[in-house]
Amino acid sequence: MKRKLIAATCVAVLSSTGSAYAGTSDADYWINSEFQPSTLSKSEQMSEMEWFIEASKPYQGMEINVLSETIPIKLHFSPFAFSA
């Protein structure tokens, strides 16, 4: 679950910036400002972020579009969701 949260955040960060590249300075910001408290240590979080930085390199310069489907369970629980 934690890995999915980090992955989703990385995708959000990469897609919200004008560039398709995020480096370790960006990872430091997220680790220190957004991912606390965490069950992972900061060094463990940085290790995970470095993996995502390396994994994203083949996709630099690409435009990636995402389509999410609606699933019935999501509609069932949406009235109970917390607002961010």
Protein backbone atom coordinates (compact mmCIF):
# COMPACT_ATOMS: atom_id res chain seq x y z
CA MET A 1 0.00 0.00 0.00
CA LYS A 2 2.80 2.42 0.90
CA ARG A 3 4.57 1.66 -2.38
CA LYS A 4 1.36 2.41 -4.30
CA LEU A 5 1.00 5.74 -2.49
CA ILE A 6 4.57 6.70 -3.34
CA ALA A 7 4.08 5.61 -6.95
CA ALA A 8 0.86 7.60 -7.26
CA THR A 9 2.54 10.65 -5.78
CA CYS A 10 5.48 10.33 -8.15
CA VAL A 11 3.14 10.11 -11.10
CA ALA A 12 1.23 13.15 -9.85
CA VAL A 13 4.44 15.13 -9.37
CA LEU A 14 5.83 14.19 -12.75
CA SER A 15 2.58 14.92 -14.56
CA SER A 16 1.93 18.21 -12.78
CA THR A 17 5.31 19.71 -13.62
CA GLY A 18 6.16 20.92 -17.09
CA SER A 19 8.96 18.40 -17.23
CA ALA A 20 8.82 14.62 -17.22
CA TYR A 21 11.84 14.39 -14.95
CA ALA A 22 12.14 14.67 -11.19
CA GLY A 23 15.45 14.39 -9.40
CA THR A 24 16.68 13.74 -5.90
CA SER A 25 16.09 17.36 -4.83
CA ASP A 26 12.41 16.90 -5.71
CA ALA A 27 12.42 13.61 -3.80
CA ASP A 28 13.94 15.36 -0.76
CA TYR A 29 11.09 17.88 -0.78
CA TRP A 30 8.43 15.17 -0.88
CA ILE A 31 10.12 13.01 1.73
CA ASN A 32 10.62 15.88 4.18
CA SER A 33 7.37 17.76 3.54
CA GLU A 34 4.69 15.36 2.37
CA PHE A 35 5.53 11.78 3.38
CA GLN A 36 5.77 12.34 7.14
CA PRO A 37 4.97 10.61 9.39
CA SER A 38 5.87 7.32 7.77
CA THR A 39 6.64 3.76 8.77
CA LEU A 40 9.68 3.96 6.48
CA SER A 41 12.81 5.81 7.53
CA LYS A 42 13.84 8.79 5.40
CA SER A 43 16.72 6.77 3.93
CA GLU A 44 14.31 3.95 3.03
CA GLN A 45 11.99 6.50 1.43
CA MET A 46 14.89 7.99 -0.57
CA SER A 47 15.87 4.51 -1.73
CA GLU A 48 12.32 3.99 -3.01
CA MET A 49 12.28 7.40 -4.69
CA GLU A 50 15.63 6.72 -6.38
CA TRP A 51 14.14 3.54 -7.82
CA PHE A 52 11.24 5.53 -9.29
CA ILE A 53 13.61 8.20 -10.64
CA GLU A 54 15.63 5.53 -12.44
CA ALA A 55 12.51 3.68 -13.64
CA SER A 56 11.09 6.88 -15.14
CA LYS A 57 14.12 7.70 -17.30
CA PRO A 58 12.95 5.76 -20.39
CA TYR A 59 9.76 7.85 -20.39
CA GLN A 60 11.41 11.29 -20.42
CA GLY A 61 9.90 13.59 -23.00
CA MET A 62 6.81 11.44 -23.50
CA GLU A 63 3.26 12.56 -22.91
CA ILE A 64 1.44 9.92 -20.92
CA ASN A 65 -2.35 10.01 -20.71
CA VAL A 66 -4.22 8.05 -18.06
CA LEU A 67 -7.77 6.79 -18.21
CA SER A 68 -9.33 5.47 -15.03
CA GLU A 69 -12.46 3.39 -15.16
CA THR A 70 -15.33 3.70 -12.72
CA ILE A 71 -15.85 0.61 -10.63
CA PRO A 72 -19.03 -0.08 -8.61
CA ILE A 73 -17.25 -0.35 -5.23
CA LYS A 74 -15.75 3.10 -5.76
CA LEU A 75 -19.21 4.55 -6.33
CA HIS A 76 -20.52 2.75 -3.25
CA PHE A 77 -17.90 4.25 -0.93
CA SER A 78 -17.58 7.70 -2.51
CA PRO A 79 -20.19 9.31 -0.21
CA PHE A 80 -18.06 8.22 2.75
CA ALA A 81 -14.74 9.49 1.40
CA PHE A 82 -12.92 12.18 3.31
CA SER A 83 -12.29 15.46 1.58
CA ALA A 84 -8.64 16.35 1.13
